[in-house]
């Protein structure tokens, strides 16, 4: 599936990259069913049960995971600045 993603999108994946099936059907190798995420995003999606059999819900879950991770990073950055003041 990684090879298919690289071929579809003309990219080289890194060790931090993970490809998931949007509809959880491992036989569905269509371009729009393969989603590139990071290992950290996959962890968050599994923890918060954001992976679904419906491809649109899974795509929404990816965006929610990204938002949660980014919010946590910003919060930690702001808390670090407060400690330095």
C-alpha atoms as a PDB file:
ATOM      1  CA  UNK A   1       0.000   0.000   0.000  1.00  0.00           C
ATOM      2  CA  UNK A   2       2.923   2.380   0.687  1.00  0.00           C
ATOM      3  CA  UNK A   3       4.226   1.761  -2.817  1.00  0.00           C
ATOM      4  CA  UNK A   4       0.788   2.512  -4.262  1.00  0.00           C
ATOM      5  CA  UNK A   5       0.584   5.768  -2.280  1.00  0.00           C
ATOM      6  CA  UNK A   6       4.049   6.840  -3.413  1.00  0.00           C
ATOM      7  CA  UNK A   7       3.125   6.042  -7.002  1.00  0.00           C
ATOM      8  CA  UNK A   8      -0.237   7.862  -6.846  1.00  0.00           C
ATOM      9  CA  UNK A   9       1.223  10.998  -5.248  1.00  0.00           C
ATOM     10  CA  UNK A  10       4.798  10.915  -6.579  1.00  0.00           C
ATOM     11  CA  UNK A  11       6.302  11.191  -3.089  1.00  0.00           C
ATOM     12  CA  UNK A  12       8.787   9.256  -0.981  1.00  0.00           C
ATOM     13  CA  UNK A  13       7.493   8.323   2.448  1.00  0.00           C
ATOM     14  CA  UNK A  14       9.557   8.836   5.589  1.00  0.00           C
ATOM     15  CA  UNK A  15       9.886   6.480   8.557  1.00  0.00           C
ATOM     16  CA  UNK A  16       7.363   8.626  10.448  1.00  0.00           C
ATOM     17  CA  UNK A  17       4.732   8.228   7.713  1.00  0.00           C
ATOM     18  CA  UNK A  18       1.889   5.725   7.897  1.00  0.00           C
ATOM     19  CA  UNK A  19      -0.748   4.930   5.285  1.00  0.00           C
ATOM     20  CA  UNK A  20      -4.210   3.932   6.471  1.00  0.00           C
ATOM     21  CA  UNK A  21      -7.257   2.756   4.555  1.00  0.00           C
ATOM     22  CA  UNK A  22      -9.984   5.384   4.863  1.00  0.00           C
ATOM     23  CA  UNK A  23     -12.782   2.797   4.715  1.00  0.00           C
ATOM     24  CA  UNK A  24     -10.784   0.091   6.570  1.00  0.00           C
ATOM     25  CA  UNK A  25     -11.094  -2.173   3.502  1.00  0.00           C
ATOM     26  CA  UNK A  26      -7.561  -3.442   2.887  1.00  0.00           C
ATOM     27  CA  UNK A  27      -8.567  -4.581  -0.608  1.00  0.00           C
ATOM     28  CA  UNK A  28      -9.541  -1.054  -1.641  1.00  0.00           C
ATOM     29  CA  UNK A  29      -6.318   0.435  -3.029  1.00  0.00           C
ATOM     30  CA  UNK A  30      -8.020   3.362  -4.759  1.00  0.00           C
ATOM     31  CA  UNK A  31      -6.154   6.658  -4.535  1.00  0.00           C
ATOM     32  CA  UNK A  32      -8.817   8.395  -2.414  1.00  0.00           C
ATOM     33  CA  UNK A  33      -8.907   5.499   0.083  1.00  0.00           C
ATOM     34  CA  UNK A  34      -5.240   5.755   1.088  1.00  0.00           C
ATOM     35  CA  UNK A  35      -4.520   8.432   3.694  1.00  0.00           C
ATOM     36  CA  UNK A  36      -1.048   9.615   4.709  1.00  0.00           C
ATOM     37  CA  UNK A  37      -0.656  10.352   8.424  1.00  0.00           C
ATOM     38  CA  UNK A  38       2.168  10.346  10.968  1.00  0.00           C
ATOM     39  CA  UNK A  39       2.742   7.672  13.583  1.00  0.00           C
ATOM     40  CA  UNK A  40       1.774  10.219  16.235  1.00  0.00           C
ATOM     41  CA  UNK A  41      -1.520  10.933  14.449  1.00  0.00           C
ATOM     42  CA  UNK A  42      -2.222   7.203  14.157  1.00  0.00           C
ATOM     43  CA  UNK A  43      -1.618   6.813  17.884  1.00  0.00           C
ATOM     44  CA  UNK A  44      -4.057   9.622  18.666  1.00  0.00           C
ATOM     45  CA  UNK A  45      -6.641   8.223  16.227  1.00  0.00           C
ATOM     46  CA  UNK A  46      -6.439   4.801  17.875  1.00  0.00           C
ATOM     47  CA  UNK A  47      -6.570   6.233  21.397  1.00  0.00           C
ATOM     48  CA  UNK A  48      -9.615   8.361  20.625  1.00  0.00           C
ATOM     49  CA  UNK A  49     -11.305   5.824  18.323  1.00  0.00           C
ATOM     50  CA  UNK A  50     -11.223   8.140  15.294  1.00  0.00           C
ATOM     51  CA  UNK A  51     -10.921   5.413  12.630  1.00  0.00           C
ATOM     52  CA  UNK A  52     -14.192   4.298  11.046  1.00  0.00           C
ATOM     53  CA  UNK A  53     -15.516   2.054   8.266  1.00  0.00           C
ATOM     54  CA  UNK A  54     -16.880   5.193   6.587  1.00  0.00           C
ATOM     55  CA  UNK A  55     -14.097   6.912   4.638  1.00  0.00           C
ATOM     56  CA  UNK A  56     -15.444  10.431   5.222  1.00  0.00           C
ATOM     57  CA  UNK A  57     -15.637   9.860   8.968  1.00  0.00           C
ATOM     58  CA  UNK A  58     -12.057   8.570   8.997  1.00  0.00           C
ATOM     59  CA  UNK A  59     -10.896  11.636   7.041  1.00  0.00           C
ATOM     60  CA  UNK A  60     -12.664  13.801   9.611  1.00  0.00           C
ATOM     61  CA  UNK A  61     -10.965  11.754  12.345  1.00  0.00           C
ATOM     62  CA  UNK A  62      -7.575  12.581  10.794  1.00  0.00           C
ATOM     63  CA  UNK A  63      -8.369  16.288  10.986  1.00  0.00           C
ATOM     64  CA  UNK A  64      -9.555  15.969  14.593  1.00  0.00           C
ATOM     65  CA  UNK A  65      -6.340  14.123  15.539  1.00  0.00           C
ATOM     66  CA  UNK A  66      -4.228  16.823  13.849  1.00  0.00           C
ATOM     67  CA  UNK A  67      -6.146  19.529  15.713  1.00  0.00           C
ATOM     68  CA  UNK A  68      -5.773  17.783  19.084  1.00  0.00           C
ATOM     69  CA  UNK A  69      -2.031  17.298  18.560  1.00  0.00           C
ATOM     70  CA  UNK A  70      -1.484  20.887  17.395  1.00  0.00           C
ATOM     71  CA  UNK A  71      -3.524  22.270  20.307  1.00  0.00           C
ATOM     72  CA  UNK A  72      -1.461  20.235  22.779  1.00  0.00           C
ATOM     73  CA  UNK A  73       1.790  21.470  21.193  1.00  0.00           C
ATOM     74  CA  UNK A  74       0.647  25.115  21.384  1.00  0.00           C
ATOM     75  CA  UNK A  75      -0.492  24.706  24.988  1.00  0.00           C
ATOM     76  CA  UNK A  76       2.852  23.168  25.995  1.00  0.00           C
ATOM     77  CA  UNK A  77       4.707  25.950  24.178  1.00  0.00           C
ATOM     78  CA  UNK A  78       2.686  28.644  25.966  1.00  0.00           C
ATOM     79  CA  UNK A  79       3.189  26.966  29.344  1.00  0.00           C
ATOM     80  CA  UNK A  80       6.924  26.851  28.666  1.00  0.00           C
ATOM     81  CA  UNK A  81       6.961  30.599  27.945  1.00  0.00           C
ATOM     82  CA  UNK A  82       5.104  31.326  31.216  1.00  0.00           C
ATOM     83  CA  UNK A  83       7.690  29.341  33.179  1.00  0.00           C
ATOM     84  CA  UNK A  84      10.498  31.383  31.618  1.00  0.00           C
ATOM     85  CA  UNK A  85       8.947  34.748  32.546  1.00  0.00           C
END
